[in-house]
């Protein structure tokens, strides 16, 4: 189960890295936020894999930063926030956090 949760977090980090690549030319600071969340999530995935006590808080900070970057991307780059998409992303983040919390 630990490997599955670490892989899910790593996949979520890849999604954020792709978001950084997509938005970097339009709004660099939003791209940097996406990349920072991807970096934190990769470190969180490794810490989940090695069952570090800091994995819960690393995952939480990476997920919060990813969600905030997504909202900022929708507001400043796209110009329209579709609430159902962000609620779905928040639900996925919450499920990932619960998996990490109850795993460790």
PDB file of N, CA and C in Angstrom:
ATOM      1  N   UNK A   1       0.826  -1.197   0.000  1.00  0.00           N
ATOM      2  CA  UNK A   1       0.000   0.000   0.000  1.00  0.00           C
ATOM      3  C   UNK A   1       0.869   1.260   0.000  1.00  0.00           C
ATOM      4  N   UNK A   2       1.995   1.185   0.682  1.00  0.00           N
ATOM      5  CA  UNK A   2       2.894   2.336   0.727  1.00  0.00           C
ATOM      6  C   UNK A   2       3.394   2.694  -0.666  1.00  0.00           C
ATOM      7  N   UNK A   3       3.732   1.698  -1.443  1.00  0.00           N
ATOM      8  CA  UNK A   3       4.216   1.933  -2.801  1.00  0.00           C
ATOM      9  C   UNK A   3       3.132   2.564  -3.667  1.00  0.00           C
ATOM     10  N   UNK A   4       1.904   2.114  -3.520  1.00  0.00           N
ATOM     11  CA  UNK A   4       0.793   2.661  -4.312  1.00  0.00           C
ATOM     12  C   UNK A   4       0.568   4.130  -3.975  1.00  0.00           C
ATOM     13  N   UNK A   5       0.564   4.465  -2.704  1.00  0.00           N
ATOM     14  CA  UNK A   5       0.353   5.860  -2.291  1.00  0.00           C
ATOM     15  C   UNK A   5       1.506   6.732  -2.775  1.00  0.00           C
ATOM     16  N   UNK A   6       2.726   6.240  -2.670  1.00  0.00           N
ATOM     17  CA  UNK A   6       3.879   7.009  -3.156  1.00  0.00           C
ATOM     18  C   UNK A   6       3.789   7.226  -4.663  1.00  0.00           C
ATOM     19  N   UNK A   7       3.346   6.218  -5.399  1.00  0.00           N
ATOM     20  CA  UNK A   7       3.181   6.375  -6.854  1.00  0.00           C
ATOM     21  C   UNK A   7       2.070   7.356  -7.193  1.00  0.00           C
ATOM     22  N   UNK A   8       0.978   7.333  -6.449  1.00  0.00           N
ATOM     23  CA  UNK A   8      -0.109   8.290  -6.688  1.00  0.00           C
ATOM     24  C   UNK A   8       0.356   9.729  -6.456  1.00  0.00           C
ATOM     25  N   UNK A   9       1.133   9.928  -5.422  1.00  0.00           N
ATOM     26  CA  UNK A   9       1.662  11.268  -5.152  1.00  0.00           C
ATOM     27  C   UNK A   9       2.641  11.679  -6.250  1.00  0.00           C
ATOM     28  N   UNK A  10       3.447  10.754  -6.712  1.00  0.00           N
ATOM     29  CA  UNK A  10       4.393  11.050  -7.796  1.00  0.00           C
ATOM     30  C   UNK A  10       3.652  11.386  -9.095  1.00  0.00           C
ATOM     31  N   UNK A  11       2.553  10.700  -9.361  1.00  0.00           N
ATOM     32  CA  UNK A  11       1.738  11.016 -10.546  1.00  0.00           C
ATOM     33  C   UNK A  11       1.136  12.408 -10.414  1.00  0.00           C
ATOM     34  N   UNK A  12       0.672  12.739  -9.222  1.00  0.00           N
ATOM     35  CA  UNK A  12       0.129  14.080  -8.985  1.00  0.00           C
ATOM     36  C   UNK A  12       1.218  15.141  -9.174  1.00  0.00           C
ATOM     37  N   UNK A  13       2.437  14.807  -8.793  1.00  0.00           N
ATOM     38  CA  UNK A  13       3.562  15.725  -9.004  1.00  0.00           C
ATOM     39  C   UNK A  13       3.828  15.898 -10.499  1.00  0.00           C
ATOM     40  N   UNK A  14       3.707  14.827 -11.265  1.00  0.00           N
ATOM     41  CA  UNK A  14       3.886  14.930 -12.727  1.00  0.00           C
ATOM     42  C   UNK A  14       2.827  15.820 -13.361  1.00  0.00           C
ATOM     43  N   UNK A  15       1.608  15.749 -12.867  1.00  0.00           N
ATOM     44  CA  UNK A  15       0.542  16.622 -13.364  1.00  0.00           C
ATOM     45  C   UNK A  15       0.899  18.083 -13.108  1.00  0.00           C
ATOM     46  N   UNK A  16       1.450  18.369 -11.943  1.00  0.00           N
ATOM     47  CA  UNK A  16       1.842  19.746 -11.638  1.00  0.00           C
ATOM     48  C   UNK A  16       3.045  20.191 -12.450  1.00  0.00           C
ATOM     49  N   UNK A  17       3.966  19.288 -12.716  1.00  0.00           N
ATOM     50  CA  UNK A  17       5.110  19.640 -13.562  1.00  0.00           C
ATOM     51  C   UNK A  17       4.638  19.941 -14.986  1.00  0.00           C
ATOM     52  N   UNK A  18       3.661  19.185 -15.470  1.00  0.00           N
ATOM     53  CA  UNK A  18       3.083  19.471 -16.779  1.00  0.00           C
ATOM     54  C   UNK A  18       2.391  20.830 -16.779  1.00  0.00           C
ATOM     55  N   UNK A  19       1.687  21.139 -15.688  1.00  0.00           N
ATOM     56  CA  UNK A  19       1.051  22.454 -15.556  1.00  0.00           C
ATOM     57  C   UNK A  19       2.076  23.573 -15.575  1.00  0.00           C
ATOM     58  N   UNK A  20       3.213  23.342 -14.943  1.00  0.00           N
ATOM     59  CA  UNK A  20       4.276  24.353 -14.951  1.00  0.00           C
ATOM     60  C   UNK A  20       4.807  24.560 -16.362  1.00  0.00           C
ATOM     61  N   UNK A  21       4.988  23.482 -17.080  1.00  0.00           N
ATOM     62  CA  UNK A  21       5.485  23.573 -18.447  1.00  0.00           C
ATOM     63  C   UNK A  21       4.488  24.315 -19.345  1.00  0.00           C
ATOM     64  N   UNK A  22       3.199  24.083 -19.120  1.00  0.00           N
ATOM     65  CA  UNK A  22       2.172  24.701 -19.968  1.00  0.00           C
ATOM     66  C   UNK A  22       2.040  26.213 -19.731  1.00  0.00           C
ATOM     67  N   UNK A  23       2.267  26.659 -18.528  1.00  0.00           N
ATOM     68  CA  UNK A  23       1.950  28.048 -18.198  1.00  0.00           C
ATOM     69  C   UNK A  23       3.192  28.926 -18.050  1.00  0.00           C
ATOM     70  N   UNK A  24       4.369  28.346 -18.147  1.00  0.00           N
ATOM     71  CA  UNK A  24       5.598  29.081 -17.852  1.00  0.00           C
ATOM     72  C   UNK A  24       5.809  30.290 -18.749  1.00  0.00           C
ATOM     73  N   UNK A  25       5.417  30.235 -20.014  1.00  0.00           N
ATOM     74  CA  UNK A  25       5.637  31.364 -20.921  1.00  0.00           C
ATOM     75  C   UNK A  25       4.600  32.472 -20.722  1.00  0.00           C
ATOM     76  N   UNK A  26       3.408  32.110 -20.262  1.00  0.00           N
ATOM     77  CA  UNK A  26       2.358  33.123 -20.091  1.00  0.00           C
ATOM     78  C   UNK A  26       2.520  33.886 -18.788  1.00  0.00           C
ATOM     79  N   UNK A  27       2.555  33.162 -17.703  1.00  0.00           N
ATOM     80  CA  UNK A  27       2.719  33.756 -16.369  1.00  0.00           C
ATOM     81  C   UNK A  27       3.783  32.943 -15.634  1.00  0.00           C
ATOM     82  N   UNK A  28       5.030  33.399 -15.695  1.00  0.00           N
ATOM     83  CA  UNK A  28       6.114  32.609 -15.092  1.00  0.00           C
ATOM     84  C   UNK A  28       5.935  32.339 -13.605  1.00  0.00           C
ATOM     85  N   UNK A  29       5.393  33.277 -12.873  1.00  0.00           N
ATOM     86  CA  UNK A  29       5.270  33.079 -11.430  1.00  0.00           C
ATOM     87  C   UNK A  29       4.269  31.980 -11.101  1.00  0.00           C
ATOM     88  N   UNK A  30       3.230  31.801 -11.915  1.00  0.00           N
ATOM     89  CA  UNK A  30       2.297  30.693 -11.695  1.00  0.00           C
ATOM     90  C   UNK A  30       2.990  29.368 -12.041  1.00  0.00           C
ATOM     91  N   UNK A  31       3.797  29.388 -13.088  1.00  0.00           N
ATOM     92  CA  UNK A  31       4.568  28.198 -13.438  1.00  0.00           C
ATOM     93  C   UNK A  31       5.538  27.801 -12.339  1.00  0.00           C
ATOM     94  N   UNK A  32       6.151  28.797 -11.710  1.00  0.00           N
ATOM     95  CA  UNK A  32       7.070  28.504 -10.606  1.00  0.00           C
ATOM     96  C   UNK A  32       6.326  27.916  -9.407  1.00  0.00           C
ATOM     97  N   UNK A  33       5.091  28.371  -9.176  1.00  0.00           N
ATOM     98  CA  UNK A  33       4.295  27.783  -8.096  1.00  0.00           C
ATOM     99  C   UNK A  33       3.958  26.325  -8.387  1.00  0.00           C
ATOM    100  N   UNK A  34       3.591  26.057  -9.643  1.00  0.00           N
ATOM    101  CA  UNK A  34       3.331  24.668 -10.035  1.00  0.00           C
ATOM    102  C   UNK A  34       4.578  23.806  -9.841  1.00  0.00           C
ATOM    103  N   UNK A  35       5.721  24.339 -10.262  1.00  0.00           N
ATOM    104  CA  UNK A  35       6.955  23.564 -10.146  1.00  0.00           C
ATOM    105  C   UNK A  35       7.351  23.365  -8.685  1.00  0.00           C
ATOM    106  N   UNK A  36       7.137  24.375  -7.846  1.00  0.00           N
ATOM    107  CA  UNK A  36       7.440  24.228  -6.415  1.00  0.00           C
ATOM    108  C   UNK A  36       6.557  23.149  -5.790  1.00  0.00           C
ATOM    109  N   UNK A  37       5.289  23.125  -6.171  1.00  0.00           N
ATOM    110  CA  UNK A  37       4.409  22.082  -5.626  1.00  0.00           C
ATOM    111  C   UNK A  37       4.831  20.702  -6.134  1.00  0.00           C
ATOM    112  N   UNK A  38       5.275  20.624  -7.386  1.00  0.00           N
ATOM    113  CA  UNK A  38       5.735  19.339  -7.916  1.00  0.00           C
ATOM    114  C   UNK A  38       6.979  18.855  -7.169  1.00  0.00           C
ATOM    115  N   UNK A  39       7.890  19.768  -6.878  1.00  0.00           N
ATOM    116  CA  UNK A  39       9.102  19.398  -6.145  1.00  0.00           C
ATOM    117  C   UNK A  39       8.756  18.914  -4.736  1.00  0.00           C
ATOM    118  N   UNK A  40       7.879  19.635  -4.062  1.00  0.00           N
ATOM    119  CA  UNK A  40       7.486  19.235  -2.708  1.00  0.00           C
ATOM    120  C   UNK A  40       6.784  17.883  -2.736  1.00  0.00           C
ATOM    121  N   UNK A  41       5.957  17.647  -3.762  1.00  0.00           N
ATOM    122  CA  UNK A  41       5.249  16.379  -3.842  1.00  0.00           C
ATOM    123  C   UNK A  41       6.177  15.211  -4.162  1.00  0.00           C
ATOM    124  N   UNK A  42       7.222  15.454  -4.929  1.00  0.00           N
ATOM    125  CA  UNK A  42       8.205  14.386  -5.186  1.00  0.00           C
ATOM    126  C   UNK A  42       8.932  14.029  -3.887  1.00  0.00           C
ATOM    127  N   UNK A  43       9.322  15.037  -3.142  1.00  0.00           N
ATOM    128  CA  UNK A  43       9.967  14.778  -1.840  1.00  0.00           C
ATOM    129  C   UNK A  43       8.990  14.065  -0.904  1.00  0.00           C
ATOM    130  N   UNK A  44       7.720  14.459  -0.961  1.00  0.00           N
ATOM    131  CA  UNK A  44       6.708  13.801  -0.130  1.00  0.00           C
ATOM    132  C   UNK A  44       6.530  12.339  -0.536  1.00  0.00           C
ATOM    133  N   UNK A  45       6.552  12.062  -1.832  1.00  0.00           N
ATOM    134  CA  UNK A  45       6.404  10.681  -2.294  1.00  0.00           C
ATOM    135  C   UNK A  45       7.560   9.818  -1.805  1.00  0.00           C
ATOM    136  N   UNK A  46       8.760  10.358  -1.841  1.00  0.00           N
ATOM    137  CA  UNK A  46       9.917   9.606  -1.341  1.00  0.00           C
ATOM    138  C   UNK A  46       9.811   9.399   0.165  1.00  0.00           C
ATOM    139  N   UNK A  47       9.356  10.425   0.868  1.00  0.00           N
ATOM    140  CA  UNK A  47       9.238  10.277   2.324  1.00  0.00           C
ATOM    141  C   UNK A  47       8.109   9.317   2.697  1.00  0.00           C
ATOM    142  N   UNK A  48       7.056   9.246   1.885  1.00  0.00           N
ATOM    143  CA  UNK A  48       6.013   8.245   2.126  1.00  0.00           C
ATOM    144  C   UNK A  48       6.574   6.848   1.892  1.00  0.00           C
ATOM    145  N   UNK A  49       7.354   6.703   0.833  1.00  0.00           N
ATOM    146  CA  UNK A  49       7.932   5.397   0.523  1.00  0.00           C
ATOM    147  C   UNK A  49       8.839   4.909   1.650  1.00  0.00           C
ATOM    148  N   UNK A  50       9.627   5.813   2.218  1.00  0.00           N
ATOM    149  CA  UNK A  50      10.518   5.442   3.316  1.00  0.00           C
ATOM    150  C   UNK A  50       9.862   5.578   4.688  1.00  0.00           C
ATOM    151  N   UNK A  51       8.566   5.870   4.708  1.00  0.00           N
ATOM    152  CA  UNK A  51       7.755   5.969   5.921  1.00  0.00           C
ATOM    153  C   UNK A  51       8.325   6.954   6.935  1.00  0.00           C
ATOM    154  N   UNK A  52       8.688   8.113   6.438  1.00  0.00           N
ATOM    155  CA  UNK A  52       9.205   9.175   7.298  1.00  0.00           C
ATOM    156  C   UNK A  52       8.044   9.838   8.038  1.00  0.00           C
ATOM    157  N   UNK A  53       8.284  10.268   9.278  1.00  0.00           N
ATOM    158  CA  UNK A  53       7.215  10.955  10.005  1.00  0.00           C
ATOM    159  C   UNK A  53       6.832  12.310   9.396  1.00  0.00           C
ATOM    160  N   UNK A  54       7.712  12.890   8.603  1.00  0.00           N
ATOM    161  CA  UNK A  54       7.429  14.184   7.998  1.00  0.00           C
ATOM    162  C   UNK A  54       6.592  14.065   6.724  1.00  0.00           C
ATOM    163  N   UNK A  55       6.276  12.858   6.308  1.00  0.00           N
ATOM    164  CA  UNK A  55       5.583  12.676   5.037  1.00  0.00           C
ATOM    165  C   UNK A  55       4.188  13.288   5.040  1.00  0.00           C
ATOM    166  N   UNK A  56       3.519  13.267   6.171  1.00  0.00           N
ATOM    167  CA  UNK A  56       2.164  13.818   6.243  1.00  0.00           C
ATOM    168  C   UNK A  56       2.178  15.319   5.970  1.00  0.00           C
ATOM    169  N   UNK A  57       3.087  16.030   6.603  1.00  0.00           N
ATOM    170  CA  UNK A  57       3.109  17.479   6.460  1.00  0.00           C
ATOM    171  C   UNK A  57       3.711  17.904   5.129  1.00  0.00           C
ATOM    172  N   UNK A  58       4.641  17.138   4.607  1.00  0.00           N
ATOM    173  CA  UNK A  58       5.160  17.429   3.268  1.00  0.00           C
ATOM    174  C   UNK A  58       4.063  17.256   2.222  1.00  0.00           C
ATOM    175  N   UNK A  59       3.311  16.180   2.352  1.00  0.00           N
ATOM    176  CA  UNK A  59       2.226  15.935   1.404  1.00  0.00           C
ATOM    177  C   UNK A  59       1.164  17.024   1.514  1.00  0.00           C
ATOM    178  N   UNK A  60       0.808  17.391   2.728  1.00  0.00           N
ATOM    179  CA  UNK A  60      -0.200  18.431   2.915  1.00  0.00           C
ATOM    180  C   UNK A  60       0.247  19.752   2.308  1.00  0.00           C
ATOM    181  N   UNK A  61       1.489  20.148   2.539  1.00  0.00           N
ATOM    182  CA  UNK A  61       1.965  21.425   1.993  1.00  0.00           C
ATOM    183  C   UNK A  61       2.037  21.382   0.471  1.00  0.00           C
ATOM    184  N   UNK A  62       2.459  20.253  -0.103  1.00  0.00           N
ATOM    185  CA  UNK A  62       2.502  20.126  -1.556  1.00  0.00           C
ATOM    186  C   UNK A  62       1.119  20.158  -2.173  1.00  0.00           C
ATOM    187  N   UNK A  63       0.153  19.501  -1.535  1.00  0.00           N
ATOM    188  CA  UNK A  63      -1.206  19.489  -2.058  1.00  0.00           C
ATOM    189  C   UNK A  63      -1.875  20.851  -1.959  1.00  0.00           C
ATOM    190  N   UNK A  64      -1.630  21.550  -0.864  1.00  0.00           N
ATOM    191  CA  UNK A  64      -2.200  22.902  -0.727  1.00  0.00           C
ATOM    192  C   UNK A  64      -1.607  23.843  -1.760  1.00  0.00           C
ATOM    193  N   UNK A  65      -0.304  23.770  -1.955  1.00  0.00           N
ATOM    194  CA  UNK A  65       0.340  24.623  -2.957  1.00  0.00           C
ATOM    195  C   UNK A  65      -0.139  24.278  -4.361  1.00  0.00           C
ATOM    196  N   UNK A  66      -0.348  22.999  -4.640  1.00  0.00           N
ATOM    197  CA  UNK A  66      -0.849  22.588  -5.958  1.00  0.00           C
ATOM    198  C   UNK A  66      -2.257  23.110  -6.189  1.00  0.00           C
ATOM    199  N   UNK A  67      -3.099  23.035  -5.177  1.00  0.00           N
ATOM    200  CA  UNK A  67      -4.469  23.521  -5.315  1.00  0.00           C
ATOM    201  C   UNK A  67      -4.500  25.036  -5.508  1.00  0.00           C
ATOM    202  N   UNK A  68      -3.695  25.746  -4.731  1.00  0.00           N
ATOM    203  CA  UNK A  68      -3.639  27.209  -4.875  1.00  0.00           C
ATOM    204  C   UNK A  68      -3.084  27.617  -6.239  1.00  0.00           C
ATOM    205  N   UNK A  69      -2.082  26.905  -6.742  1.00  0.00           N
ATOM    206  CA  UNK A  69      -1.537  27.210  -8.072  1.00  0.00           C
ATOM    207  C   UNK A  69      -2.586  26.986  -9.141  1.00  0.00           C
ATOM    208  N   UNK A  70      -3.383  25.949  -8.974  1.00  0.00           N
ATOM    209  CA  UNK A  70      -4.435  25.667  -9.940  1.00  0.00           C
ATOM    210  C   UNK A  70      -5.483  26.773  -9.953  1.00  0.00           C
ATOM    211  N   UNK A  71      -5.846  27.247  -8.777  1.00  0.00           N
ATOM    212  CA  UNK A  71      -6.806  28.350  -8.706  1.00  0.00           C
ATOM    213  C   UNK A  71      -6.240  29.627  -9.324  1.00  0.00           C
ATOM    214  N   UNK A  72      -4.986  29.913  -9.016  1.00  0.00           N
ATOM    215  CA  UNK A  72      -4.353  31.102  -9.587  1.00  0.00           C
ATOM    216  C   UNK A  72      -4.213  30.988 -11.102  1.00  0.00           C
ATOM    217  N   UNK A  73      -3.921  29.793 -11.578  1.00  0.00           N
ATOM    218  CA  UNK A  73      -3.837  29.561 -13.023  1.00  0.00           C
ATOM    219  C   UNK A  73      -5.178  29.824 -13.694  1.00  0.00           C
ATOM    220  N   UNK A  74      -6.245  29.306 -13.073  1.00  0.00           N
ATOM    221  CA  UNK A  74      -7.576  29.511 -13.651  1.00  0.00           C
ATOM    222  C   UNK A  74      -7.965  30.983 -13.643  1.00  0.00           C
ATOM    223  N   UNK A  75      -7.588  31.685 -12.592  1.00  0.00           N
ATOM    224  CA  UNK A  75      -7.987  33.089 -12.485  1.00  0.00           C
ATOM    225  C   UNK A  75      -7.154  34.010 -13.380  1.00  0.00           C
ATOM    226  N   UNK A  76      -5.840  33.873 -13.327  1.00  0.00           N
ATOM    227  CA  UNK A  76      -4.974  34.818 -14.026  1.00  0.00           C
ATOM    228  C   UNK A  76      -4.643  34.427 -15.463  1.00  0.00           C
ATOM    229  N   UNK A  77      -4.552  33.147 -15.753  1.00  0.00           N
ATOM    230  CA  UNK A  77      -4.151  32.725 -17.097  1.00  0.00           C
ATOM    231  C   UNK A  77      -5.374  32.458 -17.960  1.00  0.00           C
ATOM    232  N   UNK A  78      -6.289  31.630 -17.465  1.00  0.00           N
ATOM    233  CA  UNK A  78      -7.473  31.290 -18.252  1.00  0.00           C
ATOM    234  C   UNK A  78      -8.529  32.391 -18.155  1.00  0.00           C
ATOM    235  N   UNK A  79      -8.673  32.968 -16.980  1.00  0.00           N
ATOM    236  CA  UNK A  79      -9.634  34.044 -16.799  1.00  0.00           C
ATOM    237  C   UNK A  79     -10.999  33.576 -16.346  1.00  0.00           C
ATOM    238  N   UNK A  80     -11.153  32.285 -16.105  1.00  0.00           N
ATOM    239  CA  UNK A  80     -12.443  31.751 -15.685  1.00  0.00           C
ATOM    240  C   UNK A  80     -12.205  30.568 -14.757  1.00  0.00           C
ATOM    241  N   UNK A  81     -12.861  30.598 -13.607  1.00  0.00           N
ATOM    242  CA  UNK A  81     -12.737  29.501 -12.648  1.00  0.00           C
ATOM    243  C   UNK A  81     -13.966  28.613 -12.780  1.00  0.00           C
ATOM    244  N   UNK A  82     -13.736  27.366 -13.157  1.00  0.00           N
ATOM    245  CA  UNK A  82     -14.824  26.382 -13.222  1.00  0.00           C
ATOM    246  C   UNK A  82     -14.790  25.607 -11.914  1.00  0.00           C
ATOM    247  N   UNK A  83     -15.779  25.860 -11.079  1.00  0.00           N
ATOM    248  CA  UNK A  83     -15.749  25.355  -9.714  1.00  0.00           C
ATOM    249  C   UNK A  83     -15.728  23.838  -9.638  1.00  0.00           C
ATOM    250  N   UNK A  84     -16.433  23.164 -10.535  1.00  0.00           N
ATOM    251  CA  UNK A  84     -16.495  21.702 -10.446  1.00  0.00           C
ATOM    252  C   UNK A  84     -15.112  21.082 -10.673  1.00  0.00           C
ATOM    253  N   UNK A  85     -14.306  21.674 -11.543  1.00  0.00           N
ATOM    254  CA  UNK A  85     -12.952  21.149 -11.768  1.00  0.00           C
ATOM    255  C   UNK A  85     -12.086  21.300 -10.518  1.00  0.00           C
ATOM    256  N   UNK A  86     -12.219  22.427  -9.859  1.00  0.00           N
ATOM    257  CA  UNK A  86     -11.398  22.663  -8.672  1.00  0.00           C
ATOM    258  C   UNK A  86     -11.909  21.870  -7.470  1.00  0.00           C
ATOM    259  N   UNK A  87     -13.204  21.647  -7.407  1.00  0.00           N
ATOM    260  CA  UNK A  87     -13.719  20.784  -6.344  1.00  0.00           C
ATOM    261  C   UNK A  87     -13.263  19.343  -6.543  1.00  0.00           C
ATOM    262  N   UNK A  88     -13.184  18.904  -7.800  1.00  0.00           N
ATOM    263  CA  UNK A  88     -12.675  17.564  -8.089  1.00  0.00           C
ATOM    264  C   UNK A  88     -11.200  17.460  -7.709  1.00  0.00           C
ATOM    265  N   UNK A  89     -10.435  18.493  -8.018  1.00  0.00           N
ATOM    266  CA  UNK A  89      -9.012  18.493  -7.643  1.00  0.00           C
ATOM    267  C   UNK A  89      -8.850  18.520  -6.129  1.00  0.00           C
ATOM    268  N   UNK A  90      -9.708  19.263  -5.447  1.00  0.00           N
ATOM    269  CA  UNK A  90      -9.677  19.302  -3.986  1.00  0.00           C
ATOM    270  C   UNK A  90     -10.041  17.942  -3.399  1.00  0.00           C
ATOM    271  N   UNK A  91     -10.989  17.246  -4.006  1.00  0.00           N
ATOM    272  CA  UNK A  91     -11.368  15.912  -3.544  1.00  0.00           C
ATOM    273  C   UNK A  91     -10.212  14.926  -3.707  1.00  0.00           C
ATOM    274  N   UNK A  92      -9.542  14.975  -4.845  1.00  0.00           N
ATOM    275  CA  UNK A  92      -8.384  14.100  -5.059  1.00  0.00           C
ATOM    276  C   UNK A  92      -7.290  14.411  -4.047  1.00  0.00           C
ATOM    277  N   UNK A  93      -7.049  15.701  -3.794  1.00  0.00           N
ATOM    278  CA  UNK A  93      -6.036  16.087  -2.808  1.00  0.00           C
ATOM    279  C   UNK A  93      -6.408  15.580  -1.418  1.00  0.00           C
ATOM    280  N   UNK A  94      -7.675  15.698  -1.071  1.00  0.00           N
ATOM    281  CA  UNK A  94      -8.124  15.249   0.245  1.00  0.00           C
ATOM    282  C   UNK A  94      -7.971  13.742   0.392  1.00  0.00           C
ATOM    283  N   UNK A  95      -8.297  12.993  -0.653  1.00  0.00           N
ATOM    284  CA  UNK A  95      -8.142  11.535  -0.609  1.00  0.00           C
ATOM    285  C   UNK A  95      -6.668  11.156  -0.469  1.00  0.00           C
ATOM    286  N   UNK A  96      -5.797  11.820  -1.218  1.00  0.00           N
ATOM    287  CA  UNK A  96      -4.363  11.543  -1.097  1.00  0.00           C
ATOM    288  C   UNK A  96      -3.855  11.854   0.312  1.00  0.00           C
ATOM    289  N   UNK A  97      -4.310  12.971   0.858  1.00  0.00           N
ATOM    290  CA  UNK A  97      -3.883  13.322   2.211  1.00  0.00           C
ATOM    291  C   UNK A  97      -4.367  12.282   3.224  1.00  0.00           C
ATOM    292  N   UNK A  98      -5.616  11.835   3.089  1.00  0.00           N
ATOM    293  CA  UNK A  98      -6.125  10.823   4.019  1.00  0.00           C
ATOM    294  C   UNK A  98      -5.355   9.512   3.902  1.00  0.00           C
ATOM    295  N   UNK A  99      -5.001   9.134   2.694  1.00  0.00           N
ATOM    296  CA  UNK A  99      -4.202   7.920   2.497  1.00  0.00           C
ATOM    297  C   UNK A  99      -2.861   8.031   3.209  1.00  0.00           C
ATOM    298  N   UNK A 100      -2.214   9.177   3.060  1.00  0.00           N
ATOM    299  CA  UNK A 100      -0.909   9.372   3.718  1.00  0.00           C
ATOM    300  C   UNK A 100      -1.077   9.443   5.238  1.00  0.00           C
ATOM    301  N   UNK A 101      -2.117  10.114   5.679  1.00  0.00           N
ATOM    302  CA  UNK A 101      -2.332  10.284   7.121  1.00  0.00           C
ATOM    303  C   UNK A 101      -2.576   8.943   7.815  1.00  0.00           C
ATOM    304  N   UNK A 102      -3.423   8.115   7.209  1.00  0.00           N
ATOM    305  CA  UNK A 102      -3.741   6.840   7.859  1.00  0.00           C
ATOM    306  C   UNK A 102      -2.692   5.772   7.590  1.00  0.00           C
ATOM    307  N   UNK A 103      -1.855   6.000   6.580  1.00  0.00           N
ATOM    308  CA  UNK A 103      -0.756   5.069   6.311  1.00  0.00           C
ATOM    309  C   UNK A 103       0.349   5.222   7.356  1.00  0.00           C
ATOM    310  N   UNK A 104       0.614   6.471   7.716  1.00  0.00           N
ATOM    311  CA  UNK A 104       1.715   6.725   8.640  1.00  0.00           C
ATOM    312  C   UNK A 104       1.215   6.923   9.994  1.00  0.00           C
TER     313      UNK A 104
END
